[in-house]
All heavy atoms as atom14 arrays in JSON, in Angstrom:
{
  "sequence": "AIEEEKVWPMIRAEVGDELTDALLAAVDCAKAKYGYEG",
  "atom14_mask": [
    [1, 1, 1, 1, 1, 0, 0, 0, 0, 0, 0, 0, 0, 0],
    [1, 1, 1, 1, 1, 1, 1, 1, 0, 0, 0, 0, 0, 0],
    [1, 1, 1, 1, 1, 1, 1, 1, 1, 0, 0, 0, 0, 0],
    [1, 1, 1, 1, 1, 1, 1, 1, 1, 0, 0, 0, 0, 0],
    [1, 1, 1, 1, 1, 1, 1, 1, 1, 0, 0, 0, 0, 0],
    [1, 1, 1, 1, 1, 1, 1, 1, 1, 0, 0, 0, 0, 0],
    [1, 1, 1, 1, 1, 1, 1, 0, 0, 0, 0, 0, 0, 0],
    [1, 1, 1, 1, 1, 1, 1, 1, 1, 1, 1, 1, 1, 1],
    [1, 1, 1, 1, 1, 1, 1, 0, 0, 0, 0, 0, 0, 0],
    [1, 1, 1, 1, 1, 1, 1, 1, 0, 0, 0, 0, 0, 0],
    [1, 1, 1, 1, 1, 1, 1, 1, 0, 0, 0, 0, 0, 0],
    [1, 1, 1, 1, 1, 1, 1, 1, 1, 1, 1, 0, 0, 0],
    [1, 1, 1, 1, 1, 0, 0, 0, 0, 0, 0, 0, 0, 0],
    [1, 1, 1, 1, 1, 1, 1, 1, 1, 0, 0, 0, 0, 0],
    [1, 1, 1, 1, 1, 1, 1, 0, 0, 0, 0, 0, 0, 0],
    [1, 1, 1, 1, 0, 0, 0, 0, 0, 0, 0, 0, 0, 0],
    [1, 1, 1, 1, 1, 1, 1, 1, 0, 0, 0, 0, 0, 0],
    [1, 1, 1, 1, 1, 1, 1, 1, 1, 0, 0, 0, 0, 0],
    [1, 1, 1, 1, 1, 1, 1, 1, 0, 0, 0, 0, 0, 0],
    [1, 1, 1, 1, 1, 1, 1, 0, 0, 0, 0, 0, 0, 0],
    [1, 1, 1, 1, 1, 1, 1, 1, 0, 0, 0, 0, 0, 0],
    [1, 1, 1, 1, 1, 0, 0, 0, 0, 0, 0, 0, 0, 0],
    [1, 1, 1, 1, 1, 1, 1, 1, 0, 0, 0, 0, 0, 0],
    [1, 1, 1, 1, 1, 1, 1, 1, 0, 0, 0, 0, 0, 0],
    [1, 1, 1, 1, 1, 0, 0, 0, 0, 0, 0, 0, 0, 0],
    [1, 1, 1, 1, 1, 0, 0, 0, 0, 0, 0, 0, 0, 0],
    [1, 1, 1, 1, 1, 1, 1, 0, 0, 0, 0, 0, 0, 0],
    [1, 1, 1, 1, 1, 1, 1, 1, 0, 0, 0, 0, 0, 0],
    [1, 1, 1, 1, 1, 1, 0, 0, 0, 0, 0, 0, 0, 0],
    [1, 1, 1, 1, 1, 0, 0, 0, 0, 0, 0, 0, 0, 0],
    [1, 1, 1, 1, 1, 1, 1, 1, 1, 0, 0, 0, 0, 0],
    [1, 1, 1, 1, 1, 0, 0, 0, 0, 0, 0, 0, 0, 0],
    [1, 1, 1, 1, 1, 1, 1, 1, 1, 0, 0, 0, 0, 0],
    [1, 1, 1, 1, 1, 1, 1, 1, 1, 1, 1, 1, 0, 0],
    [1, 1, 1, 1, 0, 0, 0, 0, 0, 0, 0, 0, 0, 0],
    [1, 1, 1, 1, 1, 1, 1, 1, 1, 1, 1, 1, 0, 0],
    [1, 1, 1, 1, 1, 1, 1, 1, 1, 0, 0, 0, 0, 0],
    [1, 1, 1, 1, 0, 0, 0, 0, 0, 0, 0, 0, 0, 0]
  ],
  "atom14_positions": [
    [[-36.54, 9.47, -3.03], [-37.21, 10.77, -3.02], [-37.84, 11.07, -1.72], [-37.73, 12.19, -1.18], [-38.23, 10.81, -4.15], [0.0, 0.0, 0.0], [0.0, 0.0, 0.0], [0.0, 0.0, 0.0], [0.0, 0.0, 0.0], [0.0, 0.0, 0.0], [0.0, 0.0, 0.0], [0.0, 0.0, 0.0], [0.0, 0.0, 0.0], [0.0, 0.0, 0.0]],
    [[-38.46, 10.07, -1.1], [-39.09, 10.27, 0.24], [-38.0, 10.55, 1.26], [-38.18, 11.41, 2.13], [-39.91, 9.01, 0.6], [-41.12, 8.91, -0.31], [-40.34, 9.08, 2.08], [-41.86, 7.59, -0.19], [0.0, 0.0, 0.0], [0.0, 0.0, 0.0], [0.0, 0.0, 0.0], [0.0, 0.0, 0.0], [0.0, 0.0, 0.0], [0.0, 0.0, 0.0]],
    [[-36.89, 9.84, 1.16], [-35.79, 10.05, 2.07], [-35.31, 11.51, 2.02], [-35.14, 12.13, 3.07], [-34.66, 9.07, 1.72], [-33.4, 9.27, 2.48], [-32.27, 8.4, 1.98], [-32.26, 8.05, 0.76], [-31.36, 8.07, 2.79], [0.0, 0.0, 0.0], [0.0, 0.0, 0.0], [0.0, 0.0, 0.0], [0.0, 0.0, 0.0], [0.0, 0.0, 0.0]],
    [[-35.09, 11.99, 0.82], [-34.6, 13.33, 0.68], [-35.61, 14.42, 1.09], [-35.25, 15.41, 1.7], [-34.16, 13.6, -0.79], [-32.92, 12.89, -1.19], [-31.67, 13.32, -0.37], [-31.54, 14.52, -0.12], [-30.89, 12.45, -0.03], [0.0, 0.0, 0.0], [0.0, 0.0, 0.0], [0.0, 0.0, 0.0], [0.0, 0.0, 0.0], [0.0, 0.0, 0.0]],
    [[-36.85, 14.19, 0.76], [-37.93, 15.16, 1.02], [-38.4, 15.16, 2.44], [-38.77, 16.2, 2.97], [-39.1, 14.94, 0.07], [-38.78, 15.18, -1.35], [-39.9, 14.71, -2.28], [-41.05, 14.53, -1.81], [-39.63, 14.51, -3.48], [0.0, 0.0, 0.0], [0.0, 0.0, 0.0], [0.0, 0.0, 0.0], [0.0, 0.0, 0.0], [0.0, 0.0, 0.0]],
    [[-38.43, 13.98, 3.09], [-39.06, 13.88, 4.39], [-38.22, 13.39, 5.52], [-38.21, 13.92, 6.61], [-40.33, 13.03, 4.29], [-41.37, 13.62, 3.37], [-42.66, 12.86, 3.36], [-43.61, 13.57, 2.43], [-44.95, 12.99, 2.49], [0.0, 0.0, 0.0], [0.0, 0.0, 0.0], [0.0, 0.0, 0.0], [0.0, 0.0, 0.0], [0.0, 0.0, 0.0]],
    [[-37.44, 12.3, 5.23], [-36.7, 11.64, 6.3], [-35.55, 12.51, 6.81], [-35.44, 12.78, 8.0], [-36.19, 10.25, 5.85], [-35.34, 9.61, 6.92], [-37.38, 9.36, 5.53], [0.0, 0.0, 0.0], [0.0, 0.0, 0.0], [0.0, 0.0, 0.0], [0.0, 0.0, 0.0], [0.0, 0.0, 0.0], [0.0, 0.0, 0.0], [0.0, 0.0, 0.0]],
    [[-34.65, 12.96, 5.89], [-33.51, 13.73, 6.34], [-33.92, 15.07, 6.98], [-33.35, 15.45, 8.01], [-32.48, 13.91, 5.23], [-31.75, 12.63, 4.94], [-31.77, 11.9, 3.82], [-30.92, 11.94, 5.88], [-30.99, 10.76, 3.95], [-30.45, 10.75, 5.24], [-30.52, 12.12, 7.2], [-29.61, 9.81, 5.84], [-29.67, 11.21, 7.79], [-29.25, 10.07, 7.1]],
    [[-34.91, 15.78, 6.42], [-35.37, 16.97, 7.11], [-35.91, 16.7, 8.53], [-35.7, 17.47, 9.44], [-36.44, 17.55, 6.18], [-36.06, 17.06, 4.83], [-35.49, 15.67, 5.08], [0.0, 0.0, 0.0], [0.0, 0.0, 0.0], [0.0, 0.0, 0.0], [0.0, 0.0, 0.0], [0.0, 0.0, 0.0], [0.0, 0.0, 0.0], [0.0, 0.0, 0.0]],
    [[-36.62, 15.57, 8.67], [-37.15, 15.22, 10.01], [-36.0, 14.95, 10.97], [-36.0, 15.42, 12.11], [-38.06, 14.01, 9.9], [-38.61, 13.54, 11.25], [-39.4, 11.91, 11.13], [-38.0, 10.84, 10.79], [0.0, 0.0, 0.0], [0.0, 0.0, 0.0], [0.0, 0.0, 0.0], [0.0, 0.0, 0.0], [0.0, 0.0, 0.0], [0.0, 0.0, 0.0]],
    [[-35.01, 14.17, 10.51], [-33.87, 13.88, 11.36], [-33.15, 15.18, 11.72], [-32.78, 15.41, 12.87], [-32.92, 12.84, 10.69], [-33.63, 11.48, 10.6], [-31.6, 12.74, 11.42], [-32.92, 10.48, 9.73], [0.0, 0.0, 0.0], [0.0, 0.0, 0.0], [0.0, 0.0, 0.0], [0.0, 0.0, 0.0], [0.0, 0.0, 0.0], [0.0, 0.0, 0.0]],
    [[-32.9, 16.01, 10.73], [-32.22, 17.29, 10.97], [-32.96, 18.13, 11.99], [-32.36, 18.72, 12.89], [-32.08, 18.02, 9.63], [-31.1, 19.19, 9.67], [-30.83, 19.74, 8.25], [-30.12, 18.83, 7.4], [-28.8, 18.63, 7.46], [-28.05, 19.27, 8.36], [-28.21, 17.81, 6.61], [0.0, 0.0, 0.0], [0.0, 0.0, 0.0], [0.0, 0.0, 0.0]],
    [[-34.27, 18.16, 11.91], [-35.1, 18.93, 12.87], [-35.0, 18.38, 14.29], [-34.99, 19.12, 15.25], [-36.55, 19.0, 12.4], [0.0, 0.0, 0.0], [0.0, 0.0, 0.0], [0.0, 0.0, 0.0], [0.0, 0.0, 0.0], [0.0, 0.0, 0.0], [0.0, 0.0, 0.0], [0.0, 0.0, 0.0], [0.0, 0.0, 0.0], [0.0, 0.0, 0.0]],
    [[-34.87, 17.05, 14.36], [-34.86, 16.4, 15.68], [-33.47, 16.48, 16.33], [-33.4, 16.72, 17.55], [-35.23, 14.9, 15.54], [-36.68, 14.67, 15.33], [-37.5, 14.97, 16.56], [-37.07, 14.66, 17.72], [-38.63, 15.52, 16.39], [0.0, 0.0, 0.0], [0.0, 0.0, 0.0], [0.0, 0.0, 0.0], [0.0, 0.0, 0.0], [0.0, 0.0, 0.0]],
    [[-32.41, 16.27, 15.57], [-31.07, 16.17, 16.19], [-30.11, 17.27, 15.85], [-29.06, 17.4, 16.41], [-30.41, 14.8, 15.9], [-31.25, 13.65, 16.36], [-30.07, 14.69, 14.42], [0.0, 0.0, 0.0], [0.0, 0.0, 0.0], [0.0, 0.0, 0.0], [0.0, 0.0, 0.0], [0.0, 0.0, 0.0], [0.0, 0.0, 0.0], [0.0, 0.0, 0.0]],
    [[-30.51, 18.1, 14.85], [-29.68, 19.24, 14.5], [-28.72, 18.98, 13.36], [-28.58, 17.81, 12.92], [0.0, 0.0, 0.0], [0.0, 0.0, 0.0], [0.0, 0.0, 0.0], [0.0, 0.0, 0.0], [0.0, 0.0, 0.0], [0.0, 0.0, 0.0], [0.0, 0.0, 0.0], [0.0, 0.0, 0.0], [0.0, 0.0, 0.0], [0.0, 0.0, 0.0]],
    [[-28.15, 20.05, 12.87], [-27.29, 19.95, 11.67], [-26.04, 19.18, 11.91], [-25.6, 18.38, 11.06], [-26.92, 21.36, 11.21], [-28.12, 22.1, 10.61], [-29.08, 21.43, 10.12], [-28.1, 23.35, 10.61], [0.0, 0.0, 0.0], [0.0, 0.0, 0.0], [0.0, 0.0, 0.0], [0.0, 0.0, 0.0], [0.0, 0.0, 0.0], [0.0, 0.0, 0.0]],
    [[-25.4, 19.4, 13.05], [-24.1, 18.75, 13.3], [-24.17, 17.22, 13.3], [-23.41, 16.56, 12.59], [-23.54, 19.22, 14.64], [-22.14, 18.71, 14.9], [-21.55, 19.25, 16.21], [-22.06, 20.22, 16.79], [-20.55, 18.67, 16.65], [0.0, 0.0, 0.0], [0.0, 0.0, 0.0], [0.0, 0.0, 0.0], [0.0, 0.0, 0.0], [0.0, 0.0, 0.0]],
    [[-25.14, 16.65, 14.02], [-25.27, 15.19, 14.06], [-25.75, 14.65, 12.71], [-25.29, 13.59, 12.26], [-26.2, 14.77, 15.18], [-25.67, 14.86, 16.58], [-26.73, 14.54, 17.6], [-24.46, 13.96, 16.74], [0.0, 0.0, 0.0], [0.0, 0.0, 0.0], [0.0, 0.0, 0.0], [0.0, 0.0, 0.0], [0.0, 0.0, 0.0], [0.0, 0.0, 0.0]],
    [[-26.7, 15.38, 12.08], [-27.18, 14.91, 10.77], [-26.03, 14.92, 9.76], [-25.89, 13.94, 9.01], [-28.32, 15.81, 10.28], [-29.36, 15.83, 11.25], [-28.89, 15.29, 8.96], [0.0, 0.0, 0.0], [0.0, 0.0, 0.0], [0.0, 0.0, 0.0], [0.0, 0.0, 0.0], [0.0, 0.0, 0.0], [0.0, 0.0, 0.0], [0.0, 0.0, 0.0]],
    [[-25.25, 15.95, 9.71], [-24.11, 16.0, 8.79], [-23.13, 14.92, 9.07], [-22.59, 14.29, 8.14], [-23.45, 17.39, 8.8], [-24.35, 18.47, 8.26], [-25.32, 18.17, 7.54], [-24.09, 19.68, 8.54], [0.0, 0.0, 0.0], [0.0, 0.0, 0.0], [0.0, 0.0, 0.0], [0.0, 0.0, 0.0], [0.0, 0.0, 0.0], [0.0, 0.0, 0.0]],
    [[-22.89, 14.61, 10.36], [-21.97, 13.53, 10.73], [-22.53, 12.19, 10.26], [-21.77, 11.36, 9.75], [-21.71, 13.54, 12.24], [0.0, 0.0, 0.0], [0.0, 0.0, 0.0], [0.0, 0.0, 0.0], [0.0, 0.0, 0.0], [0.0, 0.0, 0.0], [0.0, 0.0, 0.0], [0.0, 0.0, 0.0], [0.0, 0.0, 0.0], [0.0, 0.0, 0.0]],
    [[-23.8, 11.98, 10.42], [-24.42, 10.74, 10.0], [-24.37, 10.57, 8.46], [-23.96, 9.51, 7.95], [-25.88, 10.7, 10.46], [-26.68, 9.5, 9.99], [-26.04, 8.17, 10.47], [-28.11, 9.57, 10.53], [0.0, 0.0, 0.0], [0.0, 0.0, 0.0], [0.0, 0.0, 0.0], [0.0, 0.0, 0.0], [0.0, 0.0, 0.0], [0.0, 0.0, 0.0]],
    [[-24.66, 11.65, 7.75], [-24.55, 11.59, 6.3], [-23.13, 11.35, 5.83], [-22.93, 10.59, 4.87], [-25.12, 12.9, 5.68], [-26.62, 13.08, 5.79], [-27.03, 14.49, 5.39], [-27.34, 12.06, 4.9], [0.0, 0.0, 0.0], [0.0, 0.0, 0.0], [0.0, 0.0, 0.0], [0.0, 0.0, 0.0], [0.0, 0.0, 0.0], [0.0, 0.0, 0.0]],
    [[-22.16, 11.92, 6.52], [-20.78, 11.68, 6.17], [-20.4, 10.21, 6.41], [-19.7, 9.61, 5.61], [-19.83, 12.6, 6.98], [0.0, 0.0, 0.0], [0.0, 0.0, 0.0], [0.0, 0.0, 0.0], [0.0, 0.0, 0.0], [0.0, 0.0, 0.0], [0.0, 0.0, 0.0], [0.0, 0.0, 0.0], [0.0, 0.0, 0.0], [0.0, 0.0, 0.0]],
    [[-20.92, 9.62, 7.54], [-20.66, 8.23, 7.82], [-21.31, 7.32, 6.76], [-20.7, 6.33, 6.37], [-21.15, 7.9, 9.23], [0.0, 0.0, 0.0], [0.0, 0.0, 0.0], [0.0, 0.0, 0.0], [0.0, 0.0, 0.0], [0.0, 0.0, 0.0], [0.0, 0.0, 0.0], [0.0, 0.0, 0.0], [0.0, 0.0, 0.0], [0.0, 0.0, 0.0]],
    [[-22.5, 7.67, 6.32], [-23.18, 6.93, 5.26], [-22.33, 6.96, 3.99], [-22.09, 5.94, 3.34], [-24.6, 7.47, 5.02], [-25.21, 6.88, 3.75], [-25.48, 7.16, 6.22], [0.0, 0.0, 0.0], [0.0, 0.0, 0.0], [0.0, 0.0, 0.0], [0.0, 0.0, 0.0], [0.0, 0.0, 0.0], [0.0, 0.0, 0.0], [0.0, 0.0, 0.0]],
    [[-21.86, 8.17, 3.6], [-21.06, 8.29, 2.41], [-19.75, 7.47, 2.53], [-19.31, 6.84, 1.59], [-20.7, 9.75, 2.17], [-21.88, 10.54, 1.67], [-22.87, 9.97, 1.17], [-21.84, 11.8, 1.75], [0.0, 0.0, 0.0], [0.0, 0.0, 0.0], [0.0, 0.0, 0.0], [0.0, 0.0, 0.0], [0.0, 0.0, 0.0], [0.0, 0.0, 0.0]],
    [[-19.16, 7.47, 3.71], [-17.94, 6.68, 3.97], [-18.22, 5.22, 3.8], [-17.45, 4.47, 3.16], [-17.42, 7.02, 5.34], [-15.89, 6.18, 5.76], [0.0, 0.0, 0.0], [0.0, 0.0, 0.0], [0.0, 0.0, 0.0], [0.0, 0.0, 0.0], [0.0, 0.0, 0.0], [0.0, 0.0, 0.0], [0.0, 0.0, 0.0], [0.0, 0.0, 0.0]],
    [[-19.34, 4.74, 4.35], [-19.68, 3.29, 4.23], [-19.94, 2.93, 2.8], [-19.56, 1.88, 2.32], [-20.89, 3.01, 5.11], [0.0, 0.0, 0.0], [0.0, 0.0, 0.0], [0.0, 0.0, 0.0], [0.0, 0.0, 0.0], [0.0, 0.0, 0.0], [0.0, 0.0, 0.0], [0.0, 0.0, 0.0], [0.0, 0.0, 0.0], [0.0, 0.0, 0.0]],
    [[-20.65, 3.83, 2.05], [-20.91, 3.58, 0.65], [-19.61, 3.44, -0.12], [-19.46, 2.52, -0.93], [-21.77, 4.72, 0.04], [-23.19, 4.72, 0.45], [-23.9, 5.92, -0.17], [-25.35, 5.96, 0.13], [-26.03, 7.13, -0.51], [0.0, 0.0, 0.0], [0.0, 0.0, 0.0], [0.0, 0.0, 0.0], [0.0, 0.0, 0.0], [0.0, 0.0, 0.0]],
    [[-18.66, 4.31, 0.15], [-17.39, 4.23, -0.54], [-16.6, 2.99, -0.16], [-16.05, 2.33, -1.01], [-16.54, 5.48, -0.22], [0.0, 0.0, 0.0], [0.0, 0.0, 0.0], [0.0, 0.0, 0.0], [0.0, 0.0, 0.0], [0.0, 0.0, 0.0], [0.0, 0.0, 0.0], [0.0, 0.0, 0.0], [0.0, 0.0, 0.0], [0.0, 0.0, 0.0]],
    [[-16.65, 2.66, 1.12], [-15.9, 1.48, 1.6], [-16.45, 0.18, 1.0], [-15.65, -0.68, 0.64], [-15.96, 1.41, 3.13], [-15.22, 0.23, 3.7], [-15.25, 0.23, 5.2], [-14.51, -0.97, 5.76], [-14.5, -0.98, 7.24], [0.0, 0.0, 0.0], [0.0, 0.0, 0.0], [0.0, 0.0, 0.0], [0.0, 0.0, 0.0], [0.0, 0.0, 0.0]],
    [[-17.75, 0.08, 0.83], [-18.35, -1.15, 0.37], [-18.74, -1.09, -1.12], [-19.44, -2.0, -1.6], [-19.51, -1.56, 1.23], [-19.02, -1.89, 2.65], [-19.25, -1.01, 3.69], [-18.33, -3.07, 2.88], [-18.79, -1.29, 4.95], [-17.88, -3.36, 4.17], [-18.09, -2.44, 5.21], [-17.6, -2.74, 6.43], [0.0, 0.0, 0.0], [0.0, 0.0, 0.0]],
    [[-18.33, -0.09, -1.82], [-18.56, -0.01, -3.26], [-19.96, 0.22, -3.66], [-20.35, -0.16, -4.77], [0.0, 0.0, 0.0], [0.0, 0.0, 0.0], [0.0, 0.0, 0.0], [0.0, 0.0, 0.0], [0.0, 0.0, 0.0], [0.0, 0.0, 0.0], [0.0, 0.0, 0.0], [0.0, 0.0, 0.0], [0.0, 0.0, 0.0], [0.0, 0.0, 0.0]],
    [[-20.74, 0.89, -2.85], [-22.13, 1.2, -3.21], [-22.13, 2.36, -4.22], [-21.52, 3.39, -4.0], [-22.93, 1.58, -1.96], [-24.34, 1.99, -2.27], [-25.31, 1.05, -2.57], [-24.72, 3.32, -2.26], [-26.59, 1.41, -2.86], [-26.04, 3.7, -2.54], [-26.94, 2.74, -2.86], [-28.23, 3.09, -3.13], [0.0, 0.0, 0.0], [0.0, 0.0, 0.0]],
    [[-22.82, 2.16, -5.32], [-22.82, 3.17, -6.37], [-24.2, 3.79, -6.59], [-24.39, 4.54, -7.53], [-22.28, 2.58, -7.65], [-20.88, 2.07, -7.56], [-20.38, 1.42, -8.82], [-21.01, 1.61, -9.86], [-19.41, 0.67, -8.74], [0.0, 0.0, 0.0], [0.0, 0.0, 0.0], [0.0, 0.0, 0.0], [0.0, 0.0, 0.0], [0.0, 0.0, 0.0]],
    [[-25.16, 3.48, -5.74], [-26.51, 3.96, -5.98], [-26.76, 5.38, -5.52], [-25.94, 6.07, -5.07], [0.0, 0.0, 0.0], [0.0, 0.0, 0.0], [0.0, 0.0, 0.0], [0.0, 0.0, 0.0], [0.0, 0.0, 0.0], [0.0, 0.0, 0.0], [0.0, 0.0, 0.0], [0.0, 0.0, 0.0], [0.0, 0.0, 0.0], [0.0, 0.0, 0.0]]
  ]
}
């Protein structure tokens, strides 16, 4: 909840939408690759 409410908005404000979206996509890719279901 803290991540969604505070961390990602802070990162988005610092680096912009393009890099944040790329990072989130990479996280999703890693979750899929390593079977993370959380």
